[in-house]
Amino acid sequence: MKRLQDKVALITGGNAGIGKAAALLFAQEGARVVVAARREDEGAQTVAEIIAQGGEAMFVRADISRSADCAAMVTATVKRFGRLDVAFNNAGVVQYGKTVIELEEEEWDRVLAINLKGVFLSMKHEIPEMLKTGGGAIVNNSSIGGLVVIPGMSAYQSSKHGLIGLTKVAALEFAARNVRVNAICPAGTDTPMLASWTADPELKQRLVATHPIGRLADPIEPARAALFLASDEASFITGVALPVDGGSILP
């Protein structure tokens, strides 16, 4: 039995990295998948790959920092597939290399708007649709940066720490109504976003060295963790922030 058979899954940031890996995996597990992202060409490619492997999928262009876009992506999902069972709120941006006094207010606002407010807005529109059909499962993509402290990443880490708090609150608010809300916390994962700030081989090697397992994660590995939490195999799990970190030794 496929773990998401007959489920409808919405994945934000499903055009690349962990989100794309999850979109393909969820489709293989029987879900009808909605890929929501800002970059249409990449999103359409993900959808094409799902269809090519025999799945059902559609793309919705969405900027999750905008409430109207979050409402529209959920509305489009329900209009096409009739319901919403699973949401993987994965879209996010990174920030690094600036102390608190060096970081510009505009960059702080941008990172928090996408990484934290964007998940709040997504859940605000996702949860009511899940309640209409008896419940559902939400997985939010936080980060190892939501569990540890890394200097120079104040906006990113504040957003990811906050996302874990938001996840736990939502989990308690809707546990009795059969909506489970959990988070995954990946460490270094070999994605285009990570490559954007580890182009320096020495910096990348230092990052790899913080993982006792001896390598970065492949995007499919955190995607599998998200699949587990979204599936009925995790039916008694809610409010969890699950490290997917290769034994990370970050402080």
Protein backbone atom coordinates (compact mmCIF):
# COMPACT_ATOMS: atom_id res chain seq x y z
CA MET A 1 0.00 0.00 0.00
CA LYS A 2 1.41 3.38 -0.98
CA ARG A 3 1.74 5.65 2.03
CA LEU A 4 -0.10 8.63 0.50
CA GLN A 5 -2.53 6.76 -1.71
CA ASP A 6 -5.54 8.93 -2.65
CA LYS A 7 -4.16 11.90 -0.70
CA VAL A 8 -3.80 15.42 -2.06
CA ALA A 9 -0.50 17.07 -1.12
CA LEU A 10 0.54 20.71 -1.45
CA ILE A 11 4.28 21.42 -1.45
CA THR A 12 5.62 24.96 -1.31
CA GLY A 13 9.04 25.44 -2.85
CA GLY A 14 8.40 22.22 -4.76
CA ASN A 15 10.44 23.39 -7.72
CA ALA A 16 13.93 22.63 -6.37
CA GLY A 17 16.00 20.96 -3.67
CA ILE A 18 14.19 19.21 -0.84
CA GLY A 19 10.81 20.41 -2.13
CA LYS A 20 11.30 18.88 -5.56
CA ALA A 21 12.56 15.63 -4.05
CA ALA A 22 9.46 15.55 -1.83
CA ALA A 23 7.13 16.30 -4.75
CA LEU A 24 8.48 13.37 -6.74
CA LEU A 25 8.50 11.07 -3.70
CA PHE A 26 4.98 11.97 -2.58
CA ALA A 27 3.71 11.30 -6.10
CA GLN A 28 5.46 7.91 -6.13
CA GLU A 29 3.66 7.17 -2.85
CA GLY A 30 0.27 7.79 -4.45
CA ALA A 31 -0.42 11.48 -3.75
CA ARG A 32 -1.82 13.95 -6.22
CA VAL A 33 0.67 16.78 -5.89
CA VAL A 34 0.40 20.55 -6.14
CA VAL A 35 3.75 22.27 -6.60
CA ALA A 36 3.68 25.89 -5.43
CA ALA A 37 6.67 28.14 -6.12
CA ARG A 38 7.75 31.49 -7.48
CA ARG A 39 9.87 30.19 -10.38
CA GLU A 40 7.39 28.87 -12.91
CA ASP A 41 9.80 27.14 -15.32
CA GLU A 42 11.30 24.99 -12.58
CA GLY A 43 7.89 24.24 -11.09
CA ALA A 44 6.53 23.18 -14.45
CA GLN A 45 9.52 20.87 -14.88
CA THR A 46 8.81 19.18 -11.56
CA VAL A 47 5.19 18.67 -12.60
CA ALA A 48 6.30 17.26 -15.96
CA GLU A 49 8.56 14.75 -14.20
CA ILE A 50 5.72 13.62 -11.95
CA ILE A 51 3.39 13.15 -14.90
CA ALA A 52 6.11 11.28 -16.81
CA GLN A 53 6.35 8.77 -13.96
CA GLY A 54 2.58 8.24 -14.04
CA GLY A 55 1.48 10.63 -11.32
CA GLU A 56 -0.95 13.55 -11.16
CA ALA A 57 0.31 17.07 -10.46
CA MET A 58 -0.22 20.74 -11.14
CA PHE A 59 1.81 23.91 -10.67
CA VAL A 60 0.63 27.08 -8.92
CA ARG A 61 2.75 30.21 -8.90
CA ALA A 62 2.86 31.57 -5.36
CA ASP A 63 4.89 33.93 -3.21
CA ILE A 64 4.13 32.65 0.28
CA SER A 65 4.99 35.99 1.88
CA ARG A 66 1.71 37.24 0.37
CA SER A 67 -1.54 36.22 2.02
CA ALA A 68 -3.46 36.41 -1.26
CA ASP A 69 -1.02 33.99 -2.91
CA CYS A 70 -1.34 31.51 -0.02
CA ALA A 71 -5.12 31.66 -0.26
CA ALA A 72 -4.97 31.23 -4.03
CA MET A 73 -2.68 28.18 -3.93
CA VAL A 74 -5.01 26.40 -1.50
CA THR A 75 -8.08 27.39 -3.51
CA ALA A 76 -6.45 26.10 -6.70
CA THR A 77 -5.60 22.82 -4.97
CA VAL A 78 -9.18 22.24 -3.84
CA LYS A 79 -10.62 23.34 -7.16
CA ARG A 80 -8.47 20.82 -9.05
CA PHE A 81 -8.43 17.87 -6.66
CA GLY A 82 -11.39 18.47 -4.34
CA ARG A 83 -9.57 18.47 -1.00
CA LEU A 84 -6.29 19.00 0.85
CA ASP A 85 -4.83 16.23 3.01
CA VAL A 86 -1.12 16.97 3.29
CA ALA A 87 0.96 20.15 3.22
CA PHE A 88 4.74 20.30 3.16
CA ASN A 89 5.58 23.94 3.88
CA ASN A 90 9.08 23.85 2.52
CA ALA A 91 9.76 27.16 0.76
CA GLY A 92 12.48 29.24 2.33
CA VAL A 93 15.51 31.46 1.84
CA VAL A 94 18.91 31.57 3.49
CA GLN A 95 20.89 34.43 5.06
CA TYR A 96 24.47 34.30 6.25
CA GLY A 97 27.68 36.16 6.86
CA LYS A 98 26.47 39.27 8.72
CA THR A 99 26.38 40.07 12.41
CA VAL A 100 23.29 41.56 14.01
CA ILE A 101 24.66 45.09 13.59
CA GLU A 102 25.69 44.48 9.96
CA LEU A 103 22.41 42.96 8.83
CA GLU A 104 20.14 45.41 7.01
CA GLU A 105 16.57 45.75 8.19
CA GLU A 106 15.29 45.01 4.68
CA GLU A 107 17.07 41.65 4.60
CA TRP A 108 15.76 40.77 8.07
CA ASP A 109 12.23 41.56 6.91
CA ARG A 110 12.60 39.52 3.70
CA VAL A 111 13.89 36.41 5.48
CA LEU A 112 11.26 36.51 8.23
CA ALA A 113 8.49 37.23 5.70
CA ILE A 114 9.25 34.05 3.76
CA ASN A 115 10.59 31.62 6.34
CA LEU A 116 8.22 32.38 9.21
CA LYS A 117 5.33 34.58 8.15
CA GLY A 118 5.03 32.55 4.94
CA VAL A 119 4.45 29.34 6.87
CA PHE A 120 1.98 31.08 9.17
CA LEU A 121 0.03 32.34 6.14
CA SER A 122 0.20 28.92 4.47
CA MET A 123 -1.18 27.11 7.52
CA LYS A 124 -3.82 29.79 8.02
CA HIS A 125 -5.31 28.77 4.67
CA GLU A 126 -4.38 25.06 4.66
CA ILE A 127 -5.84 24.06 8.03
CA PRO A 128 -9.46 25.17 7.35
CA GLU A 129 -9.56 22.99 4.24
CA MET A 130 -8.20 20.01 6.16
CA LEU A 131 -10.83 20.48 8.85
CA LYS A 132 -13.57 20.28 6.21
CA THR A 133 -12.58 16.70 5.39
CA GLY A 134 -11.80 15.39 8.86
CA GLY A 135 -8.15 16.33 9.30
CA GLY A 136 -4.75 16.16 7.70
CA ALA A 137 -1.01 16.38 8.19
CA ILE A 138 1.30 19.38 7.91
CA VAL A 139 5.09 19.20 7.83
CA ASN A 140 7.06 22.44 8.11
CA ASN A 141 10.65 22.59 6.93
CA SER A 142 12.66 24.23 9.67
CA SER A 143 16.41 23.57 9.86
CA ILE A 144 19.17 22.41 12.14
CA GLY A 145 19.48 26.19 12.41
CA GLY A 146 16.21 26.11 14.34
CA LEU A 147 17.83 23.95 17.02
CA VAL A 148 21.36 25.34 17.29
CA VAL A 149 23.08 28.72 17.05
CA ILE A 150 25.40 29.67 14.19
CA PRO A 151 26.95 33.17 14.24
CA GLY A 152 26.26 35.34 11.22
CA MET A 153 22.82 33.91 10.49
CA SER A 154 20.60 35.89 12.86
CA ALA A 155 17.63 36.41 10.52
CA TYR A 156 17.69 32.84 9.21
CA GLN A 157 18.04 31.27 12.63
CA SER A 158 15.43 33.52 14.19
CA SER A 159 13.00 32.48 11.48
CA LYS A 160 13.76 28.79 11.89
CA HIS A 161 13.65 28.86 15.71
CA GLY A 162 10.35 30.72 15.43
CA LEU A 163 9.03 28.17 12.95
CA ILE A 164 9.54 25.38 15.47
CA GLY A 165 7.58 27.37 18.04
CA LEU A 166 4.83 28.04 15.51
CA THR A 167 4.72 24.34 14.63
CA LYS A 168 4.31 23.30 18.26
CA VAL A 169 1.57 25.84 18.93
CA ALA A 170 -0.42 24.84 15.84
CA ALA A 171 0.02 21.17 16.75
CA LEU A 172 -1.60 21.72 20.14
CA GLU A 173 -4.35 23.96 18.79
CA PHE A 174 -5.58 21.36 16.28
CA ALA A 175 -4.54 18.00 17.76
CA ALA A 176 -8.07 17.22 18.93
CA ARG A 177 -9.40 17.96 15.43
CA ASN A 178 -7.10 15.46 13.71
CA VAL A 179 -4.67 17.90 12.12
CA ARG A 180 -1.12 16.90 12.92
CA VAL A 181 1.63 19.53 12.60
CA ASN A 182 5.31 18.58 12.72
CA ALA A 183 8.63 19.94 11.50
CA ILE A 184 11.79 18.51 10.03
CA CYS A 185 15.18 20.08 10.81
CA PRO A 186 17.67 19.19 8.08
CA ALA A 187 21.36 19.93 8.46
CA GLY A 188 23.56 20.56 5.40
CA THR A 189 21.74 19.29 2.33
CA ASP A 190 23.14 19.28 -1.20
CA THR A 191 20.66 21.71 -2.74
CA PRO A 192 21.00 24.73 -5.05
CA MET A 193 20.28 27.02 -2.08
CA LEU A 194 23.17 25.57 -0.09
CA ALA A 195 25.45 25.73 -3.14
CA SER A 196 24.78 29.47 -3.35
CA TRP A 197 26.77 30.04 -0.16
CA THR A 198 29.22 27.12 -0.17
CA ALA A 199 30.86 27.77 -3.53
CA ASP A 200 34.17 28.06 -1.68
CA PRO A 201 35.46 24.44 -1.41
CA GLU A 202 37.09 25.18 1.95
CA LEU A 203 33.82 26.50 3.38
CA LYS A 204 31.95 23.47 2.08
CA GLN A 205 34.50 21.12 3.63
CA ARG A 206 34.15 22.86 6.98
CA LEU A 207 30.40 22.33 6.74
CA VAL A 208 30.79 18.66 5.86
CA ALA A 209 33.09 18.28 8.88
CA THR A 210 30.22 19.21 11.21
CA HIS A 211 28.39 16.05 10.11
CA PRO A 212 29.86 12.93 11.76
CA ILE A 213 28.24 10.83 9.05
CA GLY A 214 30.89 12.36 6.75
CA ARG A 215 28.81 14.00 4.02
CA LEU A 216 25.95 16.34 3.24
CA ALA A 217 22.43 14.98 2.93
CA ASP A 218 20.93 14.18 -0.42
CA PRO A 219 17.60 16.06 -0.80
CA ILE A 220 15.73 12.78 -0.85
CA GLU A 221 16.77 12.08 2.76
CA PRO A 222 14.91 14.96 4.44
CA ALA A 223 12.12 14.38 1.91
CA ARG A 224 11.73 10.85 3.29
CA ALA A 225 11.48 12.25 6.82
CA ALA A 226 8.74 14.60 5.63
CA LEU A 227 6.95 11.67 3.98
CA PHE A 228 7.03 9.69 7.23
CA LEU A 229 5.56 12.57 9.25
CA ALA A 230 2.91 13.20 6.59
CA SER A 231 1.85 9.56 6.45
CA ASP A 232 -0.38 7.48 8.70
CA GLU A 233 2.78 5.78 9.98
CA ALA A 234 3.17 8.92 12.14
CA SER A 235 -0.48 9.01 13.20
CA PHE A 236 0.38 9.49 16.90
CA ILE A 237 3.11 12.09 16.33
CA THR A 238 2.42 15.81 16.46
CA GLY A 239 4.38 18.86 17.59
CA VAL A 240 7.75 17.24 16.86
CA ALA A 241 10.85 18.98 15.43
CA LEU A 242 12.72 16.03 13.90
CA PRO A 243 16.47 16.48 13.28
CA VAL A 244 17.66 15.08 9.95
CA ASP A 245 21.25 15.99 10.59
CA GLY A 246 23.76 13.17 10.14
CA GLY A 247 24.63 13.47 13.84
CA SER A 248 25.44 17.16 13.54
CA ILE A 249 27.95 18.50 16.04
CA LEU A 250 27.04 22.14 15.61
CA PRO A 251 26.89 23.84 19.04
